[in-house]
Amino acid sequence: MNGETSQSPFPTSGESGSSTSSFSSGASGFSADSDTSDTTVRRFAQKVHEAVDTLEQKLGMGSEKVMGLQQEYGDMAREQVRANPLAALGTAFAVGFIFAKLFTGR
């Protein structure tokens, strides 16, 4: 390429102050900016990690609550079916009939 050696315009950690590109012509190079951005990225990653942990705890408590409610209502439904089997059969028939009317094309 035009006889010049190709250099990346983006410095790496080994090139932070010794690069001859036009980007390192500032007073302190990229080392201060790199440290600041590393700190910022680490802080951001830590906050995201904490948010994920909090969400995981809330979802865990929510799923336990839902499972408890499912168990409670399942037990209540079983008791009702055992106490009134004909009413349960009639309810199941009525619900099935309604769904059949709703979902058939007639």
N, C-alpha and C. Protein backbone atom coordinates (compact mmCIF):
# COMPACT_ATOMS: atom_id res chain seq x y z
N MET A 1 0.82 -1.19 0.00
CA MET A 1 0.00 0.00 0.00
C MET A 1 0.87 1.25 0.00
N ASN A 2 1.17 1.78 -1.07
CA ASN A 2 1.96 3.00 -1.24
C ASN A 2 3.33 2.93 -0.60
N GLY A 3 3.85 1.75 -0.30
CA GLY A 3 5.18 1.61 0.26
C GLY A 3 5.28 1.93 1.74
N GLU A 4 4.20 2.31 2.40
CA GLU A 4 4.23 2.62 3.83
C GLU A 4 3.86 1.38 4.62
N THR A 5 4.35 1.31 5.83
CA THR A 5 3.94 0.22 6.69
C THR A 5 2.57 0.56 7.25
N SER A 6 1.73 -0.44 7.32
CA SER A 6 0.37 -0.22 7.76
C SER A 6 0.31 -0.26 9.28
N GLN A 7 -0.21 0.80 9.88
CA GLN A 7 -0.39 0.85 11.32
C GLN A 7 -1.86 1.04 11.62
N SER A 8 -2.29 0.42 12.70
CA SER A 8 -3.67 0.59 13.12
C SER A 8 -3.84 1.96 13.75
N PRO A 9 -4.90 2.67 13.44
CA PRO A 9 -5.12 3.97 14.08
C PRO A 9 -5.58 3.84 15.52
N PHE A 10 -5.86 2.63 15.97
CA PHE A 10 -6.33 2.41 17.33
C PHE A 10 -5.21 1.82 18.16
N PRO A 11 -4.79 2.49 19.21
CA PRO A 11 -3.67 1.98 20.01
C PRO A 11 -4.09 0.77 20.85
N THR A 12 -3.15 -0.09 21.07
CA THR A 12 -3.36 -1.20 22.00
C THR A 12 -2.70 -0.85 23.30
N SER A 13 -2.83 -1.71 24.30
CA SER A 13 -2.26 -1.40 25.61
C SER A 13 -0.75 -1.26 25.55
N GLY A 14 -0.08 -1.94 24.65
CA GLY A 14 1.37 -1.84 24.53
C GLY A 14 1.80 -0.58 23.81
N GLU A 15 0.94 0.07 23.08
CA GLU A 15 1.28 1.24 22.28
C GLU A 15 0.81 2.54 22.91
N SER A 16 0.30 2.55 24.11
CA SER A 16 -0.45 3.69 24.63
C SER A 16 0.27 5.03 24.54
N GLY A 17 1.55 5.11 24.68
CA GLY A 17 2.20 6.40 24.60
C GLY A 17 3.22 6.46 23.50
N SER A 18 3.54 5.35 22.87
CA SER A 18 4.64 5.33 21.92
C SER A 18 4.20 5.27 20.47
N SER A 19 2.93 5.37 20.21
CA SER A 19 2.45 5.29 18.84
C SER A 19 2.78 6.56 18.09
N THR A 20 3.05 6.43 16.79
CA THR A 20 3.35 7.61 15.98
C THR A 20 2.15 8.07 15.19
N SER A 21 0.97 7.51 15.46
CA SER A 21 -0.21 7.93 14.73
C SER A 21 -0.66 9.31 15.18
N SER A 22 -1.55 9.89 14.43
CA SER A 22 -2.01 11.23 14.75
C SER A 22 -2.88 11.25 16.00
N PHE A 23 -3.35 10.11 16.43
CA PHE A 23 -4.22 10.07 17.60
C PHE A 23 -3.45 10.22 18.91
N SER A 24 -2.16 9.97 18.93
CA SER A 24 -1.41 10.05 20.18
C SER A 24 -0.70 11.37 20.33
N SER A 25 -1.08 12.36 19.58
CA SER A 25 -0.41 13.64 19.67
C SER A 25 -0.89 14.47 20.85
N GLY A 26 -1.83 13.96 21.64
CA GLY A 26 -2.32 14.66 22.81
C GLY A 26 -1.27 14.73 23.89
N ALA A 27 -1.55 15.45 24.96
CA ALA A 27 -0.56 15.67 26.00
C ALA A 27 -0.18 14.39 26.73
N SER A 28 -1.16 13.54 27.04
CA SER A 28 -0.83 12.37 27.84
C SER A 28 -1.07 11.06 27.10
N GLY A 29 -1.38 11.07 25.83
CA GLY A 29 -1.63 9.84 25.10
C GLY A 29 -2.95 9.23 25.51
N PHE A 30 -3.02 7.91 25.50
CA PHE A 30 -4.27 7.22 25.80
C PHE A 30 -4.26 6.53 27.15
N SER A 31 -3.19 6.58 27.91
CA SER A 31 -3.13 5.83 29.15
C SER A 31 -4.15 6.31 30.17
N ALA A 32 -4.34 7.60 30.31
CA ALA A 32 -5.32 8.11 31.26
C ALA A 32 -6.72 7.78 30.81
N ASP A 33 -7.00 7.94 29.51
CA ASP A 33 -8.31 7.61 28.98
C ASP A 33 -8.58 6.12 29.12
N SER A 34 -7.57 5.31 28.90
CA SER A 34 -7.72 3.86 29.00
C SER A 34 -8.05 3.45 30.43
N ASP A 35 -7.34 4.04 31.41
CA ASP A 35 -7.61 3.73 32.81
C ASP A 35 -9.02 4.15 33.20
N THR A 36 -9.42 5.32 32.75
CA THR A 36 -10.76 5.82 33.06
C THR A 36 -11.82 4.93 32.44
N SER A 37 -11.61 4.54 31.18
CA SER A 37 -12.60 3.70 30.53
C SER A 37 -12.64 2.31 31.15
N ASP A 38 -11.47 1.78 31.56
CA ASP A 38 -11.46 0.49 32.25
C ASP A 38 -12.25 0.56 33.55
N THR A 39 -12.04 1.62 34.30
CA THR A 39 -12.76 1.80 35.56
C THR A 39 -14.25 1.93 35.30
N THR A 40 -14.60 2.69 34.30
CA THR A 40 -16.01 2.88 33.96
C THR A 40 -16.65 1.57 33.54
N VAL A 41 -15.97 0.82 32.71
CA VAL A 41 -16.49 -0.47 32.25
C VAL A 41 -16.64 -1.43 33.42
N ARG A 42 -15.65 -1.45 34.30
CA ARG A 42 -15.74 -2.36 35.46
C ARG A 42 -16.90 -1.97 36.38
N ARG A 43 -17.07 -0.67 36.59
CA ARG A 43 -18.18 -0.21 37.43
C ARG A 43 -19.52 -0.58 36.80
N PHE A 44 -19.62 -0.37 35.50
CA PHE A 44 -20.85 -0.71 34.78
C PHE A 44 -21.12 -2.21 34.85
N ALA A 45 -20.09 -3.02 34.65
CA ALA A 45 -20.25 -4.47 34.71
C ALA A 45 -20.67 -4.91 36.10
N GLN A 46 -20.11 -4.29 37.13
CA GLN A 46 -20.49 -4.63 38.49
C GLN A 46 -21.96 -4.27 38.76
N LYS A 47 -22.40 -3.11 38.29
CA LYS A 47 -23.79 -2.71 38.49
C LYS A 47 -24.74 -3.63 37.74
N VAL A 48 -24.36 -4.03 36.53
CA VAL A 48 -25.20 -4.95 35.77
C VAL A 48 -25.27 -6.30 36.49
N HIS A 49 -24.14 -6.74 37.01
CA HIS A 49 -24.10 -8.02 37.73
C HIS A 49 -25.00 -7.96 38.98
N GLU A 50 -24.95 -6.85 39.69
CA GLU A 50 -25.80 -6.69 40.88
C GLU A 50 -27.27 -6.69 40.48
N ALA A 51 -27.60 -6.03 39.37
CA ALA A 51 -28.99 -5.99 38.91
C ALA A 51 -29.47 -7.39 38.52
N VAL A 52 -28.61 -8.16 37.88
CA VAL A 52 -28.98 -9.53 37.51
C VAL A 52 -29.19 -10.37 38.76
N ASP A 53 -28.33 -10.21 39.75
CA ASP A 53 -28.50 -10.95 41.00
C ASP A 53 -29.82 -10.60 41.68
N THR A 54 -30.15 -9.31 41.72
CA THR A 54 -31.40 -8.87 42.33
C THR A 54 -32.59 -9.44 41.57
N LEU A 55 -32.54 -9.40 40.25
CA LEU A 55 -33.62 -9.95 39.43
C LEU A 55 -33.77 -11.44 39.65
N GLU A 56 -32.64 -12.13 39.75
CA GLU A 56 -32.68 -13.58 40.00
C GLU A 56 -33.34 -13.90 41.33
N GLN A 57 -33.02 -13.12 42.36
CA GLN A 57 -33.64 -13.33 43.67
C GLN A 57 -35.15 -13.07 43.61
N LYS A 58 -35.55 -11.99 42.94
CA LYS A 58 -36.97 -11.67 42.85
C LYS A 58 -37.73 -12.74 42.07
N LEU A 59 -37.14 -13.20 40.97
CA LEU A 59 -37.79 -14.25 40.18
C LEU A 59 -37.87 -15.55 40.96
N GLY A 60 -36.85 -15.85 41.73
CA GLY A 60 -36.87 -17.05 42.55
C GLY A 60 -37.99 -17.01 43.57
N MET A 61 -38.14 -15.86 44.23
CA MET A 61 -39.22 -15.73 45.21
C MET A 61 -40.57 -15.78 44.52
N GLY A 62 -40.68 -15.15 43.34
CA GLY A 62 -41.94 -15.15 42.60
C GLY A 62 -42.33 -16.54 42.14
N SER A 63 -41.35 -17.31 41.68
CA SER A 63 -41.67 -18.66 41.21
C SER A 63 -42.07 -19.57 42.37
N GLU A 64 -41.42 -19.37 43.52
CA GLU A 64 -41.82 -20.15 44.70
C GLU A 64 -43.25 -19.81 45.10
N LYS A 65 -43.59 -18.54 45.03
CA LYS A 65 -44.94 -18.09 45.38
C LYS A 65 -45.96 -18.69 44.40
N VAL A 66 -45.65 -18.67 43.10
CA VAL A 66 -46.55 -19.22 42.09
C VAL A 66 -46.72 -20.72 42.30
N MET A 67 -45.63 -21.41 42.59
CA MET A 67 -45.73 -22.86 42.82
C MET A 67 -46.57 -23.16 44.05
N GLY A 68 -46.46 -22.34 45.08
CA GLY A 68 -47.28 -22.51 46.27
C GLY A 68 -48.75 -22.31 45.97
N LEU A 69 -49.06 -21.27 45.18
CA LEU A 69 -50.45 -21.02 44.80
C LEU A 69 -51.00 -22.15 43.94
N GLN A 70 -50.16 -22.65 43.02
CA GLN A 70 -50.59 -23.76 42.17
C GLN A 70 -50.90 -24.99 43.01
N GLN A 71 -50.07 -25.25 43.98
CA GLN A 71 -50.29 -26.40 44.87
C GLN A 71 -51.58 -26.21 45.67
N GLU A 72 -51.78 -25.00 46.18
CA GLU A 72 -52.96 -24.72 46.99
C GLU A 72 -54.25 -24.86 46.17
N TYR A 73 -54.28 -24.23 44.98
CA TYR A 73 -55.48 -24.30 44.15
C TYR A 73 -55.68 -25.69 43.57
N GLY A 74 -54.61 -26.41 43.29
CA GLY A 74 -54.73 -27.79 42.83
C GLY A 74 -55.37 -28.67 43.89
N ASP A 75 -54.96 -28.49 45.13
CA ASP A 75 -55.55 -29.26 46.23
C ASP A 75 -57.02 -28.91 46.41
N MET A 76 -57.36 -27.61 46.31
CA MET A 76 -58.75 -27.21 46.44
C MET A 76 -59.61 -27.80 45.33
N ALA A 77 -59.08 -27.81 44.09
CA ALA A 77 -59.83 -28.38 42.97
C ALA A 77 -60.04 -29.88 43.16
N ARG A 78 -59.00 -30.58 43.63
CA ARG A 78 -59.15 -32.02 43.89
C ARG A 78 -60.22 -32.30 44.93
N GLU A 79 -60.23 -31.49 45.97
CA GLU A 79 -61.24 -31.67 47.02
C GLU A 79 -62.65 -31.43 46.46
N GLN A 80 -62.81 -30.41 45.62
CA GLN A 80 -64.12 -30.12 45.03
C GLN A 80 -64.58 -31.25 44.11
N VAL A 81 -63.66 -31.80 43.33
CA VAL A 81 -64.03 -32.90 42.43
C VAL A 81 -64.42 -34.13 43.23
N ARG A 82 -63.71 -34.40 44.31
CA ARG A 82 -64.05 -35.56 45.15
C ARG A 82 -65.38 -35.35 45.87
N ALA A 83 -65.67 -34.11 46.26
CA ALA A 83 -66.91 -33.84 46.98
C ALA A 83 -68.11 -33.79 46.03
N ASN A 84 -67.93 -33.29 44.81
CA ASN A 84 -69.03 -33.14 43.85
C ASN A 84 -68.60 -33.64 42.47
N PRO A 85 -68.52 -34.94 42.27
CA PRO A 85 -68.03 -35.44 40.98
C PRO A 85 -68.96 -35.12 39.81
N LEU A 86 -70.28 -35.13 40.01
CA LEU A 86 -71.20 -34.82 38.92
C LEU A 86 -71.11 -33.35 38.51
N ALA A 87 -70.96 -32.46 39.47
CA ALA A 87 -70.81 -31.04 39.15
C ALA A 87 -69.52 -30.81 38.37
N ALA A 88 -68.44 -31.50 38.75
CA ALA A 88 -67.18 -31.37 38.03
C ALA A 88 -67.31 -31.89 36.61
N LEU A 89 -68.02 -33.01 36.43
CA LEU A 89 -68.23 -33.56 35.10
C LEU A 89 -69.07 -32.62 34.25
N GLY A 90 -70.12 -32.06 34.82
CA GLY A 90 -70.96 -31.09 34.10
C GLY A 90 -70.19 -29.84 33.72
N THR A 91 -69.35 -29.35 34.61
CA THR A 91 -68.54 -28.15 34.32
C THR A 91 -67.55 -28.44 33.19
N ALA A 92 -66.90 -29.60 33.26
CA ALA A 92 -65.96 -29.97 32.20
C ALA A 92 -66.67 -30.09 30.86
N PHE A 93 -67.86 -30.67 30.84
CA PHE A 93 -68.63 -30.79 29.61
C PHE A 93 -69.00 -29.41 29.06
N ALA A 94 -69.45 -28.52 29.93
CA ALA A 94 -69.87 -27.18 29.50
C ALA A 94 -68.68 -26.40 28.94
N VAL A 95 -67.54 -26.48 29.59
CA VAL A 95 -66.35 -25.77 29.11
C VAL A 95 -65.91 -26.34 27.77
N GLY A 96 -65.92 -27.66 27.64
CA GLY A 96 -65.57 -28.29 26.36
C GLY A 96 -66.52 -27.89 25.25
N PHE A 97 -67.83 -27.83 25.55
CA PHE A 97 -68.83 -27.43 24.58
C PHE A 97 -68.60 -26.00 24.10
N ILE A 98 -68.31 -25.11 25.05
CA ILE A 98 -68.07 -23.70 24.70
C ILE A 98 -66.83 -23.58 23.82
N PHE A 99 -65.76 -24.26 24.18
CA PHE A 99 -64.55 -24.21 23.37
C PHE A 99 -64.80 -24.79 21.97
N ALA A 100 -65.56 -25.84 21.88
CA ALA A 100 -65.85 -26.41 20.58
C ALA A 100 -66.63 -25.44 19.71
N LYS A 101 -67.60 -24.73 20.29
CA LYS A 101 -68.36 -23.74 19.53
C LYS A 101 -67.48 -22.55 19.11
N LEU A 102 -66.58 -22.15 19.98
CA LEU A 102 -65.72 -21.03 19.67
C LEU A 102 -64.72 -21.34 18.56
N PHE A 103 -64.17 -22.53 18.57
CA PHE A 103 -63.06 -22.84 17.69
C PHE A 103 -63.42 -23.65 16.44
N THR A 104 -64.67 -24.02 16.28
CA THR A 104 -65.06 -24.67 15.02
C THR A 104 -65.49 -23.60 14.04
N GLY A 105 -65.38 -23.89 12.78
CA GLY A 105 -65.66 -22.90 11.75
C GLY A 105 -67.12 -22.75 11.39
N ARG A 106 -68.02 -23.37 12.06
CA ARG A 106 -69.43 -23.30 11.68
C ARG A 106 -70.12 -22.10 12.21
